[in-house]
Protein backbone atom coordinates (compact mmCIF):
# COMPACT_ATOMS: atom_id res chain seq x y z
CA UNK A 1 0.00 0.00 0.00
CA UNK A 2 1.48 3.40 -0.97
CA UNK A 3 2.66 5.65 1.87
CA UNK A 4 0.33 8.43 0.73
CA UNK A 5 -2.68 6.13 1.07
CA UNK A 6 -1.57 4.99 4.52
CA UNK A 7 -1.17 8.61 5.55
CA UNK A 8 -4.63 9.46 4.24
CA UNK A 9 -6.24 6.53 6.11
CA UNK A 10 -4.40 7.44 9.31
CA UNK A 11 -5.49 11.05 9.06
CA UNK A 12 -9.08 10.01 8.41
CA UNK A 13 -9.01 7.69 11.43
CA UNK A 14 -7.68 10.49 13.65
CA UNK A 15 -10.35 12.89 12.42
CA UNK A 16 -13.10 10.33 13.12
CA UNK A 17 -11.73 9.68 16.61
CA UNK A 18 -11.48 13.40 17.33
CA UNK A 19 -15.04 13.95 16.13
CA UNK A 20 -16.28 11.13 18.37
CA UNK A 21 -14.55 12.53 21.45
CA UNK A 22 -15.77 16.05 20.62
CA UNK A 23 -19.30 14.68 20.55
CA UNK A 24 -18.96 13.81 24.20
CA UNK A 25 -18.02 10.12 24.05
CA UNK A 26 -15.86 8.98 26.95
CA UNK A 27 -12.26 8.09 26.25
CA UNK A 28 -10.71 5.11 28.06
CA UNK A 29 -6.96 5.07 28.60
CA UNK A 30 -4.97 2.74 30.87
CA UNK A 31 -2.71 4.28 33.53
CA UNK A 32 0.87 4.93 32.50
CA UNK A 33 3.48 2.34 33.38
CA UNK A 34 5.01 4.59 36.06
CA UNK A 35 1.67 5.43 37.63
CA UNK A 36 0.66 1.76 37.73
CA UNK A 37 3.99 0.79 39.24
CA UNK A 38 3.61 3.40 41.99
CA UNK A 39 0.05 2.30 42.71
CA UNK A 40 1.06 -1.36 42.90
CA UNK A 41 4.03 -0.72 45.21
CA UNK A 42 1.83 1.38 47.47
CA UNK A 43 -0.57 -1.55 47.69
CA UNK A 44 2.33 -3.87 48.59
CA UNK A 45 3.50 -1.52 51.35
CA UNK A 46 -0.05 -1.19 52.73
CA UNK A 47 -0.18 -4.98 53.03
CA UNK A 48 2.97 -4.80 55.17
CA UNK A 49 4.76 -7.36 53.07
CA UNK A 50 8.11 -8.73 54.14
CA UNK A 51 10.89 -6.18 53.37
CA UNK A 52 12.82 -8.76 51.36
CA UNK A 53 9.70 -9.52 49.31
CA UNK A 54 9.10 -5.81 48.76
CA UNK A 55 12.63 -5.48 47.40
CA UNK A 56 12.03 -8.43 45.09
CA UNK A 57 8.82 -6.89 43.79
CA UNK A 58 10.49 -3.52 43.21
CA UNK A 59 13.17 -5.23 41.14
CA UNK A 60 10.47 -7.07 39.20
CA UNK A 61 8.80 -3.80 38.27
CA UNK A 62 12.03 -1.90 37.66
CA UNK A 63 13.28 -4.55 35.21
CA UNK A 64 9.87 -5.20 33.71
CA UNK A 65 9.55 -5.54 29.95
CA UNK A 66 5.76 -5.29 30.01
CA UNK A 67 5.16 -2.79 27.22
CA UNK A 68 1.37 -3.03 26.91
CA UNK A 69 -1.46 -2.44 29.36
CA UNK A 70 -2.49 -6.10 29.03
CA UNK A 71 1.00 -7.30 29.99
CA UNK A 72 1.09 -4.87 32.92
CA UNK A 73 -2.34 -6.10 34.03
CA UNK A 74 -0.96 -9.65 34.26
CA UNK A 75 2.04 -8.34 36.17
CA UNK A 76 -0.19 -6.66 38.75
CA UNK A 77 -2.07 -9.93 39.28
CA UNK A 78 1.27 -11.71 39.67
CA UNK A 79 2.26 -9.17 42.32
CA UNK A 80 -0.98 -9.74 44.21
CA UNK A 81 -0.25 -13.48 44.24
CA UNK A 82 3.28 -12.92 45.56
CA UNK A 83 2.00 -10.91 48.53
CA UNK A 84 -1.42 -12.38 49.32
CA UNK A 85 -1.83 -16.17 49.91
CA UNK A 86 -5.59 -15.97 49.29
CA UNK A 87 -5.01 -14.46 45.85
CA UNK A 88 -2.34 -17.06 45.09
CA UNK A 89 -4.72 -19.88 46.05
CA UNK A 90 -7.48 -18.45 43.88
CA UNK A 91 -5.20 -18.03 40.85
CA UNK A 92 -3.90 -21.58 41.28
CA UNK A 93 -7.48 -22.88 41.39
CA UNK A 94 -8.28 -21.10 38.13
CA UNK A 95 -5.60 -23.19 36.46
CA UNK A 96 -7.37 -26.43 37.42
CA UNK A 97 -9.79 -28.31 35.16
CA UNK A 98 -12.54 -28.18 37.79
CA UNK A 99 -12.10 -24.56 38.66
CA UNK A 100 -14.36 -22.54 40.99
CA UNK A 101 -17.46 -21.00 39.45
CA UNK A 102 -18.42 -18.74 42.32
CA UNK A 103 -16.43 -15.54 42.91
CA UNK A 104 -14.37 -15.61 46.11
CA UNK A 105 -15.37 -13.57 49.13
CA UNK A 106 -12.58 -11.05 48.63
CA UNK A 107 -14.46 -9.79 45.53
CA UNK A 108 -17.24 -8.46 47.72
CA UNK A 109 -19.00 -5.39 46.37
CA UNK A 110 -18.45 -3.76 49.76
CA UNK A 111 -14.67 -4.00 49.43
CA UNK A 112 -12.92 -0.70 50.05
CA UNK A 113 -9.83 -1.68 48.07
CA UNK A 114 -11.13 -0.92 44.57
CA UNK A 115 -7.70 -1.21 42.95
CA UNK A 116 -7.35 -4.81 44.13
CA UNK A 117 -11.01 -5.83 43.78
CA UNK A 118 -11.50 -4.41 40.27
CA UNK A 119 -8.28 -5.98 39.04
CA UNK A 120 -9.11 -9.43 40.43
CA UNK A 121 -12.69 -9.22 39.12
CA UNK A 122 -11.36 -8.43 35.65
CA UNK A 123 -8.94 -11.36 35.94
CA UNK A 124 -11.80 -13.66 36.95
CA UNK A 125 -14.11 -12.38 34.20
CA UNK A 126 -11.42 -12.93 31.58
CA UNK A 127 -10.81 -16.44 32.91
CA UNK A 128 -14.53 -17.30 32.71
CA UNK A 129 -14.78 -15.99 29.13
CA UNK A 130 -11.73 -18.01 28.11
CA UNK A 131 -13.45 -21.10 29.49
CA UNK A 132 -16.57 -20.24 27.46
CA UNK A 133 -18.62 -19.57 30.59
CA UNK A 134 -20.11 -16.47 29.02
CA UNK A 135 -23.08 -15.98 31.34
CA UNK A 136 -20.84 -15.98 34.41
CA UNK A 137 -18.20 -13.87 32.66
CA UNK A 138 -20.75 -11.21 31.77
CA UNK A 139 -22.03 -11.18 35.33
CA UNK A 140 -18.54 -10.19 36.52
CA UNK A 141 -17.54 -7.85 33.69
CA UNK A 142 -20.73 -5.78 33.69
CA UNK A 143 -19.92 -4.72 37.25
CA UNK A 144 -16.77 -2.95 36.05
CA UNK A 145 -16.42 0.50 34.55
CA UNK A 146 -13.79 0.74 31.78
CA UNK A 147 -12.63 4.01 33.36
CA UNK A 148 -11.91 2.30 36.69
CA UNK A 149 -9.78 -0.67 35.59
CA UNK A 150 -6.10 -0.82 34.71
CA UNK A 151 -6.76 -2.53 31.37
CA UNK A 152 -9.96 -1.21 29.74
CA UNK A 153 -9.11 -2.98 26.45
CA UNK A 154 -9.24 -6.41 28.10
CA UNK A 155 -12.50 -5.56 29.85
CA UNK A 156 -14.26 -4.36 26.70
CA UNK A 157 -12.86 -7.14 24.52
CA UNK A 158 -14.03 -10.02 26.71
CA UNK A 159 -17.33 -8.27 27.37
CA UNK A 160 -17.83 -8.10 23.60
CA UNK A 161 -16.91 -11.79 23.29
CA UNK A 162 -19.50 -12.83 25.89
CA UNK A 163 -22.23 -10.65 24.37
CA UNK A 164 -21.40 -11.87 20.87
CA UNK A 165 -21.62 -15.52 21.90
CA UNK A 166 -24.88 -14.97 23.79
CA UNK A 167 -26.31 -13.11 20.76
CA UNK A 168 -26.88 -9.89 22.69
CA UNK A 169 -26.71 -7.81 19.53
CA UNK A 170 -27.21 -4.27 20.83
CA UNK A 171 -24.95 -4.70 23.86
CA UNK A 172 -22.27 -6.41 21.80
CA UNK A 173 -22.22 -3.68 19.16
CA UNK A 174 -21.99 -1.02 21.86
CA UNK A 175 -19.06 -2.74 23.60
CA UNK A 176 -17.26 -3.35 20.30
CA UNK A 177 -17.65 0.31 19.32
CA UNK A 178 -16.28 1.46 22.68
CA UNK A 179 -13.30 -0.85 22.28
CA UNK A 180 -12.51 0.13 18.70
CA UNK A 181 -13.11 3.88 18.81
CA UNK A 182 -12.87 5.02 22.43
CA UNK A 183 -10.05 2.94 23.93
CA UNK A 184 -6.29 3.38 23.84
CA UNK A 185 -3.59 0.72 23.78
CA UNK A 186 -5.77 -1.99 22.23
CA UNK A 187 -3.74 -5.04 21.11
CA UNK A 188 -4.01 -5.86 17.42
CA UNK A 189 -5.42 -9.29 18.20
CA UNK A 190 -8.23 -7.64 20.18
CA UNK A 191 -9.12 -5.10 17.52
CA UNK A 192 -8.99 -7.65 14.67
CA UNK A 193 -11.31 -10.10 16.39
CA UNK A 194 -13.58 -7.30 17.63
CA UNK A 195 -14.10 -6.07 14.04
CA UNK A 196 -15.13 -9.58 12.99
CA UNK A 197 -17.55 -9.87 15.92
CA UNK A 198 -18.95 -6.44 15.10
CA UNK A 199 -19.51 -7.48 11.48
CA UNK A 200 -21.28 -10.71 12.53
CA UNK A 201 -23.50 -8.92 15.04
CA UNK A 202 -24.51 -6.33 12.44
CA UNK A 203 -25.57 -9.13 10.08
CA UNK A 204 -27.44 -11.07 12.77
CA UNK A 205 -31.14 -11.24 11.93
CA UNK A 206 -34.01 -12.88 13.74
CA UNK A 207 -35.70 -15.94 12.24
CA UNK A 208 -32.82 -16.87 9.93
CA UNK A 209 -30.77 -20.02 9.50
CA UNK A 210 -27.75 -18.11 10.75
CA UNK A 211 -29.53 -17.35 14.03
CA UNK A 212 -30.63 -20.99 14.36
CA UNK A 213 -27.09 -22.24 13.74
CA UNK A 214 -25.76 -19.90 16.41
CA UNK A 215 -28.40 -21.06 18.88
CA UNK A 216 -27.37 -24.66 18.16
CA UNK A 217 -23.76 -23.73 18.81
CA UNK A 218 -24.77 -22.17 22.12
CA UNK A 219 -26.62 -25.34 23.17
CA UNK A 220 -23.63 -27.46 22.18
CA UNK A 221 -21.36 -25.25 24.28
CA UNK A 222 -23.61 -25.51 27.32
CA UNK A 223 -23.83 -29.28 26.99
CA UNK A 224 -20.04 -29.44 26.72
CA UNK A 225 -19.98 -27.67 30.07
CA UNK A 226 -22.29 -30.39 31.47
CA UNK A 227 -25.31 -28.09 31.61
CA UNK A 228 -28.69 -29.43 30.63
CA UNK A 229 -31.05 -27.37 32.77
CA UNK A 230 -34.07 -25.27 31.94
CA UNK A 231 -32.08 -22.66 30.03
CA UNK A 232 -30.74 -25.29 27.63
CA UNK A 233 -34.14 -26.95 27.26
CA UNK A 234 -35.73 -23.59 26.53
CA UNK A 235 -33.11 -22.83 23.88
CA UNK A 236 -33.66 -26.26 22.27
CA UNK A 237 -37.40 -25.56 22.09
CA UNK A 238 -36.65 -22.18 20.48
CA UNK A 239 -34.49 -23.92 17.87
CA UNK A 240 -37.23 -26.36 16.92
CA UNK A 241 -39.81 -23.58 16.77
CA UNK A 242 -37.53 -21.42 14.62
CA UNK A 243 -36.83 -24.27 12.20
CA UNK A 244 -40.53 -25.12 11.97
CA UNK A 245 -41.22 -21.48 11.14
CA UNK A 246 -38.49 -21.35 8.48
CA UNK A 247 -39.65 -24.58 6.84
CA UNK A 248 -43.27 -23.44 6.86
CA UNK A 249 -42.24 -20.09 5.41
CA UNK A 250 -40.21 -21.78 2.66
CA UNK A 251 -43.06 -24.16 1.84
CA UNK A 252 -45.66 -21.36 1.61
CA UNK A 253 -43.28 -19.32 -0.52
CA UNK A 254 -42.84 -22.28 -2.86
CA UNK A 255 -46.58 -22.87 -3.02
CA UNK A 256 -47.28 -19.25 -3.95
CA UNK A 257 -44.77 -19.41 -6.80
CA UNK A 258 -46.39 -22.57 -8.19
CA UNK A 259 -43.31 -24.76 -7.64
CA UNK A 260 -43.25 -25.28 -11.39
CA UNK A 261 -39.94 -24.95 -13.25
CA UNK A 262 -41.77 -23.91 -16.39
CA UNK A 263 -43.29 -20.82 -14.74
CA UNK A 264 -41.49 -17.60 -15.47
CA UNK A 265 -39.56 -18.82 -18.52
CA UNK A 266 -39.72 -16.14 -21.18
CA UNK A 267 -42.95 -14.90 -19.66
CA UNK A 268 -44.79 -17.97 -20.98
CA UNK A 269 -46.73 -20.62 -19.15
CA UNK A 270 -48.52 -23.71 -20.43
CA UNK A 271 -51.07 -23.52 -17.59
CA UNK A 272 -54.60 -24.05 -18.97
CA UNK A 273 -57.21 -21.43 -18.31
CA UNK A 274 -59.92 -24.13 -18.20
CA UNK A 275 -58.43 -27.40 -16.91
CA UNK A 276 -60.45 -30.63 -16.87
CA UNK A 277 -62.31 -31.26 -13.64
CA UNK A 278 -61.57 -35.00 -13.59
CA UNK A 279 -58.78 -37.04 -15.11
CA UNK A 280 -60.03 -39.47 -17.77
CA UNK A 281 -58.99 -41.21 -20.97
CA UNK A 282 -60.40 -39.51 -24.07
CA UNK A 283 -63.50 -41.24 -25.31
CA UNK A 284 -63.94 -43.23 -22.10
CA UNK A 285 -66.77 -42.88 -19.62
CA UNK A 286 -64.82 -44.39 -16.74
CA UNK A 287 -63.73 -41.99 -13.96
CA UNK A 288 -60.08 -42.96 -14.43
CA UNK A 289 -59.47 -43.89 -10.77
CA UNK A 290 -56.46 -46.08 -10.07
CA UNK A 291 -56.07 -48.67 -7.33
CA UNK A 292 -54.12 -47.29 -4.37
CA UNK A 293 -50.94 -49.17 -3.61
CA UNK A 294 -49.02 -48.94 -0.34
CA UNK A 295 -45.42 -48.12 -1.00
CA UNK A 296 -43.11 -49.67 1.56
CA UNK A 297 -40.58 -47.40 3.26
CA UNK A 298 -37.80 -49.78 2.30
CA UNK A 299 -38.58 -49.26 -1.37
CA UNK A 300 -36.63 -46.02 -1.34
CA UNK A 301 -39.65 -43.86 -2.10
CA UNK A 302 -38.80 -40.18 -1.67
CA UNK A 303 -35.03 -40.85 -1.54
CA UNK A 304 -32.55 -39.74 -4.17
CA UNK A 305 -30.23 -42.33 -5.69
CA UNK A 306 -26.86 -42.46 -3.91
CA UNK A 307 -25.10 -40.74 -6.80
CA UNK A 308 -27.53 -37.80 -6.75
CA UNK A 309 -27.44 -37.63 -2.93
CA UNK A 310 -23.66 -37.25 -3.12
CA UNK A 311 -24.02 -34.52 -5.75
CA UNK A 312 -26.56 -32.64 -3.60
CA UNK A 313 -24.34 -32.83 -0.52
CA UNK A 314 -21.37 -31.64 -2.55
CA UNK A 315 -23.42 -28.67 -3.76
CA UNK A 316 -24.40 -27.77 -0.18
CA UNK A 317 -20.80 -28.01 1.02
CA UNK A 318 -19.63 -25.80 -1.81
CA UNK A 319 -22.31 -23.10 -1.78
CA UNK A 320 -23.45 -22.84 1.84
CA UNK A 321 -21.69 -22.33 5.19
CA UNK A 322 -21.16 -25.60 7.14
CA UNK A 323 -23.63 -24.66 9.89
CA UNK A 324 -26.50 -24.42 7.38
CA UNK A 325 -26.22 -28.10 6.56
CA UNK A 326 -25.88 -28.92 10.24
CA UNK A 327 -29.03 -26.94 11.01
CA UNK A 328 -31.05 -28.78 8.38
CA UNK A 329 -29.75 -32.20 9.43
CA UNK A 330 -30.68 -31.42 13.03
CA UNK A 331 -34.14 -30.35 11.99
CA UNK A 332 -34.90 -33.50 10.01
CA UNK A 333 -33.49 -35.63 12.80
CA UNK A 334 -35.90 -33.98 15.24
CA UNK A 335 -38.72 -34.32 12.72
CA UNK A 336 -38.10 -38.05 12.38
CA UNK A 337 -38.12 -38.46 16.15
CA UNK A 338 -41.46 -36.66 16.42
CA UNK A 339 -43.04 -38.88 13.74
CA UNK A 340 -42.03 -42.03 15.63
CA UNK A 341 -43.94 -40.94 18.73
Foldseek 3Di string as FASTA:
>chain_A
DDPVVVVVVVVVLVVVLVVVVVVPDAFFEFDDLVVLLVVLLVVLVVLVADPVLSVVLVVCSVPDPPPFLVSVLVSSLVSCVSGDVVSVVQVVQLVDPPHDLDDDPCLDPPDPPLQVNVSVLLVVLLSCLVLVVLVSSLVSLVVDDSNSYNCSLSSLLSNLSSCLLVLVLVSNLVSLCCNQRRYPRHDPVSVVVSVVSNVVSVPDDPLDLVVLLSLVVSLVSCVVVVDDDPVSVVSVVVSLVSVVVVVVVVVVVCVVQVVDPVPPDVNDDPDDPDDDPADDDPPDPDRPDDDDDDDDPVVQPPHDPPVVVVVVVVVCVVPHPPSSVVSVVVNVVVVVVVVVD
